[in-house]
Amino acid sequence: MLKWPMYDLPFEPTLLYWLGGISIFDREDTRGEALWAYNPNDKSDREKIIKLFVLSNLEYLPYRHRFLMLKILEDALVQISFDFSTQFESDYDANTSMAWDETEIDDPRGFFEDIYKLASEEWKDDLHKASLEDQSTW
């Protein structure tokens, strides 16, 4: 079983993990301010958000973990009726607050499609390496 890189706990990612870099709970004055300089509905700004905040937040993940993260995202994207807007909802009981809530993202699916595209490009070598392995042995 694949474990978290820094903990002896199973690595069982969810789609919400992708948005960890834009979670601003208790960091509105720092990360929030930095993120609010961008418009998540502008294609160019969204690419910067994804590269500077979303993907950079996951740099510590080894190649197998990245492979599983992308698989989670891919599985959601193939579901035509999947409601990606729910991923942007804040949950203060779980200490989750996104820089932009579900009403501020015009195309939540498009946001995640862009994450998929950019992660696939940036992680190309890692994804290829992981794809050559038998994932059932992880």
C-alpha atoms as a PDB file:
ATOM      1  CA  MET A   1       0.000   0.000   0.000  1.00  0.00           C
ATOM      2  CA  LEU A   2       1.301   3.422  -0.948  1.00  0.00           C
ATOM      3  CA  LYS A   3       1.944   5.654   2.071  1.00  0.00           C
ATOM      4  CA  TRP A   4       2.146   9.410   2.485  1.00  0.00           C
ATOM      5  CA  PRO A   5       5.725  10.549   1.818  1.00  0.00           C
ATOM      6  CA  MET A   6       6.191  11.914   5.346  1.00  0.00           C
ATOM      7  CA  TYR A   7       3.819   9.718   7.343  1.00  0.00           C
ATOM      8  CA  ASP A   8       3.145   6.057   7.900  1.00  0.00           C
ATOM      9  CA  LEU A   9      -0.428   6.460   6.700  1.00  0.00           C
ATOM     10  CA  PRO A  10      -2.112   5.156   3.537  1.00  0.00           C
ATOM     11  CA  PHE A  11      -2.115   7.597   0.632  1.00  0.00           C
ATOM     12  CA  GLU A  12      -5.763   7.777  -0.428  1.00  0.00           C
ATOM     13  CA  PRO A  13      -6.128  11.045  -2.334  1.00  0.00           C
ATOM     14  CA  THR A  14      -9.407  12.753  -3.077  1.00  0.00           C
ATOM     15  CA  LEU A  15     -10.207  15.317  -5.721  1.00  0.00           C
ATOM     16  CA  LEU A  16     -10.127  18.055  -3.098  1.00  0.00           C
ATOM     17  CA  TYR A  17      -6.374  17.489  -2.623  1.00  0.00           C
ATOM     18  CA  TRP A  18      -5.870  19.238  -5.950  1.00  0.00           C
ATOM     19  CA  LEU A  19      -7.159  22.475  -4.468  1.00  0.00           C
ATOM     20  CA  GLY A  20      -4.945  22.467  -1.379  1.00  0.00           C
ATOM     21  CA  GLY A  21      -2.804  25.198  -2.919  1.00  0.00           C
ATOM     22  CA  ILE A  22      -5.751  27.570  -3.133  1.00  0.00           C
ATOM     23  CA  SER A  23      -7.141  26.796   0.296  1.00  0.00           C
ATOM     24  CA  ILE A  24      -6.831  29.962   2.348  1.00  0.00           C
ATOM     25  CA  PHE A  25      -8.313  28.921   5.692  1.00  0.00           C
ATOM     26  CA  ASP A  26      -6.570  31.053   8.317  1.00  0.00           C
ATOM     27  CA  ARG A  27      -4.266  32.472   5.599  1.00  0.00           C
ATOM     28  CA  GLU A  28      -6.487  35.105   4.031  1.00  0.00           C
ATOM     29  CA  ASP A  29      -3.924  37.851   4.671  1.00  0.00           C
ATOM     30  CA  THR A  30      -1.092  35.959   2.982  1.00  0.00           C
ATOM     31  CA  ARG A  31      -2.066  33.279   0.491  1.00  0.00           C
ATOM     32  CA  GLY A  32      -5.510  34.797  -0.011  1.00  0.00           C
ATOM     33  CA  GLU A  33      -4.065  38.184  -0.938  1.00  0.00           C
ATOM     34  CA  ALA A  34      -1.612  36.547  -3.346  1.00  0.00           C
ATOM     35  CA  LEU A  35      -4.361  34.515  -5.018  1.00  0.00           C
ATOM     36  CA  TRP A  36      -6.866  37.352  -5.269  1.00  0.00           C
ATOM     37  CA  ALA A  37      -4.464  39.173  -7.583  1.00  0.00           C
ATOM     38  CA  TYR A  38      -5.587  36.637 -10.211  1.00  0.00           C
ATOM     39  CA  ASN A  39      -8.914  36.027 -11.922  1.00  0.00           C
ATOM     40  CA  PRO A  40      -9.676  32.286 -11.979  1.00  0.00           C
ATOM     41  CA  ASN A  41     -12.045  32.834 -14.902  1.00  0.00           C
ATOM     42  CA  ASP A  42      -9.349  34.366 -17.102  1.00  0.00           C
ATOM     43  CA  LYS A  43      -7.513  31.628 -19.046  1.00  0.00           C
ATOM     44  CA  SER A  44      -4.079  33.228 -18.622  1.00  0.00           C
ATOM     45  CA  ASP A  45      -4.567  33.929 -14.915  1.00  0.00           C
ATOM     46  CA  ARG A  46      -5.959  30.447 -14.329  1.00  0.00           C
ATOM     47  CA  GLU A  47      -2.814  28.915 -15.826  1.00  0.00           C
ATOM     48  CA  LYS A  48      -0.688  30.999 -13.441  1.00  0.00           C
ATOM     49  CA  ILE A  49      -2.868  29.973 -10.481  1.00  0.00           C
ATOM     50  CA  ILE A  50      -2.491  26.314 -11.388  1.00  0.00           C
ATOM     51  CA  LYS A  51       1.259  26.477 -11.921  1.00  0.00           C
ATOM     52  CA  LEU A  52       2.133  28.804  -9.028  1.00  0.00           C
ATOM     53  CA  PHE A  53      -0.266  27.517  -6.390  1.00  0.00           C
ATOM     54  CA  VAL A  54      -1.874  24.200  -7.308  1.00  0.00           C
ATOM     55  CA  LEU A  55       1.017  22.250  -8.832  1.00  0.00           C
ATOM     56  CA  SER A  56       3.729  23.869  -6.726  1.00  0.00           C
ATOM     57  CA  ASN A  57       1.788  22.780  -3.634  1.00  0.00           C
ATOM     58  CA  LEU A  58       2.186  19.171  -4.788  1.00  0.00           C
ATOM     59  CA  GLU A  59       5.880  19.277  -5.723  1.00  0.00           C
ATOM     60  CA  TYR A  60       6.829  17.182  -2.709  1.00  0.00           C
ATOM     61  CA  LEU A  61       4.866  14.196  -4.015  1.00  0.00           C
ATOM     62  CA  PRO A  62       6.901  11.340  -5.515  1.00  0.00           C
ATOM     63  CA  TYR A  63       6.057  10.030  -8.980  1.00  0.00           C
ATOM     64  CA  ARG A  64       3.720   7.255  -7.826  1.00  0.00           C
ATOM     65  CA  HIS A  65       1.685   9.679  -5.764  1.00  0.00           C
ATOM     66  CA  ARG A  66       1.454  12.074  -8.696  1.00  0.00           C
ATOM     67  CA  PHE A  67       0.245   9.228 -10.875  1.00  0.00           C
ATOM     68  CA  LEU A  68      -2.556   8.425  -8.410  1.00  0.00           C
ATOM     69  CA  MET A  69      -3.482  12.082  -8.072  1.00  0.00           C
ATOM     70  CA  LEU A  70      -3.854  12.406 -11.825  1.00  0.00           C
ATOM     71  CA  LYS A  71      -5.862   9.176 -11.956  1.00  0.00           C
ATOM     72  CA  ILE A  72      -8.336  10.566  -9.386  1.00  0.00           C
ATOM     73  CA  LEU A  73      -8.735  13.670 -11.519  1.00  0.00           C
ATOM     74  CA  GLU A  74      -9.081  11.696 -14.732  1.00  0.00           C
ATOM     75  CA  ASP A  75     -11.763   9.478 -13.183  1.00  0.00           C
ATOM     76  CA  ALA A  76     -13.784  12.554 -12.213  1.00  0.00           C
ATOM     77  CA  LEU A  77     -13.362  14.197 -15.618  1.00  0.00           C
ATOM     78  CA  VAL A  78     -14.757  11.204 -17.506  1.00  0.00           C
ATOM     79  CA  GLN A  79     -17.968  11.504 -15.504  1.00  0.00           C
ATOM     80  CA  ILE A  80     -19.933  13.942 -17.665  1.00  0.00           C
ATOM     81  CA  SER A  81     -22.356  14.837 -14.877  1.00  0.00           C
ATOM     82  CA  PHE A  82     -19.714  15.273 -12.149  1.00  0.00           C
ATOM     83  CA  ASP A  83     -20.303  18.562 -10.317  1.00  0.00           C
ATOM     84  CA  PHE A  84     -16.871  20.144  -9.896  1.00  0.00           C
ATOM     85  CA  SER A  85     -18.331  23.246  -8.256  1.00  0.00           C
ATOM     86  CA  THR A  86     -18.710  21.314  -4.999  1.00  0.00           C
ATOM     87  CA  GLN A  87     -14.920  21.179  -4.712  1.00  0.00           C
ATOM     88  CA  PHE A  88     -14.846  24.959  -4.253  1.00  0.00           C
ATOM     89  CA  GLU A  89     -17.335  24.981  -1.379  1.00  0.00           C
ATOM     90  CA  SER A  90     -15.929  26.066   1.960  1.00  0.00           C
ATOM     91  CA  ASP A  91     -16.297  23.790   4.952  1.00  0.00           C
ATOM     92  CA  TYR A  92     -15.293  25.685   8.069  1.00  0.00           C
ATOM     93  CA  ASP A  93     -15.812  22.615  10.259  1.00  0.00           C
ATOM     94  CA  ALA A  94     -13.095  20.891   8.220  1.00  0.00           C
ATOM     95  CA  ASN A  95     -10.912  24.030   8.110  1.00  0.00           C
ATOM     96  CA  THR A  96     -11.421  24.397   4.365  1.00  0.00           C
ATOM     97  CA  SER A  97     -11.911  27.732   2.684  1.00  0.00           C
ATOM     98  CA  MET A  98     -11.089  28.282  -0.971  1.00  0.00           C
ATOM     99  CA  ALA A  99      -9.795  31.537  -2.422  1.00  0.00           C
ATOM    100  CA  TRP A 100     -12.888  31.583  -4.655  1.00  0.00           C
ATOM    101  CA  ASP A 101     -16.113  29.860  -3.764  1.00  0.00           C
ATOM    102  CA  GLU A 102     -18.354  27.836  -6.039  1.00  0.00           C
ATOM    103  CA  THR A 103     -20.289  30.942  -7.147  1.00  0.00           C
ATOM    104  CA  GLU A 104     -17.156  32.738  -8.328  1.00  0.00           C
ATOM    105  CA  ILE A 105     -15.818  30.060 -10.679  1.00  0.00           C
ATOM    106  CA  ASP A 106     -17.648  30.324 -14.012  1.00  0.00           C
ATOM    107  CA  ASP A 107     -16.499  26.919 -15.290  1.00  0.00           C
ATOM    108  CA  PRO A 108     -15.411  24.598 -12.452  1.00  0.00           C
ATOM    109  CA  ARG A 109     -15.009  21.646 -14.847  1.00  0.00           C
ATOM    110  CA  GLY A 110     -12.814  23.792 -17.092  1.00  0.00           C
ATOM    111  CA  PHE A 111     -10.681  24.706 -14.081  1.00  0.00           C
ATOM    112  CA  PHE A 112     -10.067  21.022 -13.376  1.00  0.00           C
ATOM    113  CA  GLU A 113      -9.552  20.260 -17.063  1.00  0.00           C
ATOM    114  CA  ASP A 114      -6.797  22.873 -17.078  1.00  0.00           C
ATOM    115  CA  ILE A 115      -5.261  21.319 -13.965  1.00  0.00           C
ATOM    116  CA  TYR A 116      -5.267  17.966 -15.741  1.00  0.00           C
ATOM    117  CA  LYS A 117      -3.665  19.394 -18.869  1.00  0.00           C
ATOM    118  CA  LEU A 118      -0.940  21.293 -17.031  1.00  0.00           C
ATOM    119  CA  ALA A 119      -0.196  18.501 -14.554  1.00  0.00           C
ATOM    120  CA  SER A 120       0.047  16.017 -17.432  1.00  0.00           C
ATOM    121  CA  GLU A 121       2.590  18.274 -19.128  1.00  0.00           C
ATOM    122  CA  GLU A 122       4.652  19.134 -16.034  1.00  0.00           C
ATOM    123  CA  TRP A 123       4.622  15.617 -14.632  1.00  0.00           C
ATOM    124  CA  LYS A 124       5.047  13.857 -17.981  1.00  0.00           C
ATOM    125  CA  ASP A 125       8.221  11.967 -17.025  1.00  0.00           C
ATOM    126  CA  ASP A 126       6.912  10.948 -13.597  1.00  0.00           C
ATOM    127  CA  LEU A 127       3.636   9.747 -15.067  1.00  0.00           C
ATOM    128  CA  HIS A 128       5.414   7.722 -17.701  1.00  0.00           C
ATOM    129  CA  LYS A 129       7.703   6.146 -15.120  1.00  0.00           C
ATOM    130  CA  ALA A 130       4.753   5.176 -12.921  1.00  0.00           C
ATOM    131  CA  SER A 131       2.774   3.830 -15.867  1.00  0.00           C
ATOM    132  CA  LEU A 132       5.536   1.289 -16.540  1.00  0.00           C
ATOM    133  CA  GLU A 133       5.097  -0.212 -13.077  1.00  0.00           C
ATOM    134  CA  ASP A 134       2.494  -2.608 -11.753  1.00  0.00           C
ATOM    135  CA  GLN A 135       0.358  -0.297  -9.619  1.00  0.00           C
ATOM    136  CA  SER A 136      -1.107  -3.235  -7.731  1.00  0.00           C
ATOM    137  CA  THR A 137       2.280  -3.674  -6.025  1.00  0.00           C
ATOM    138  CA  TRP A 138       2.283  -0.184  -4.533  1.00  0.00           C
END
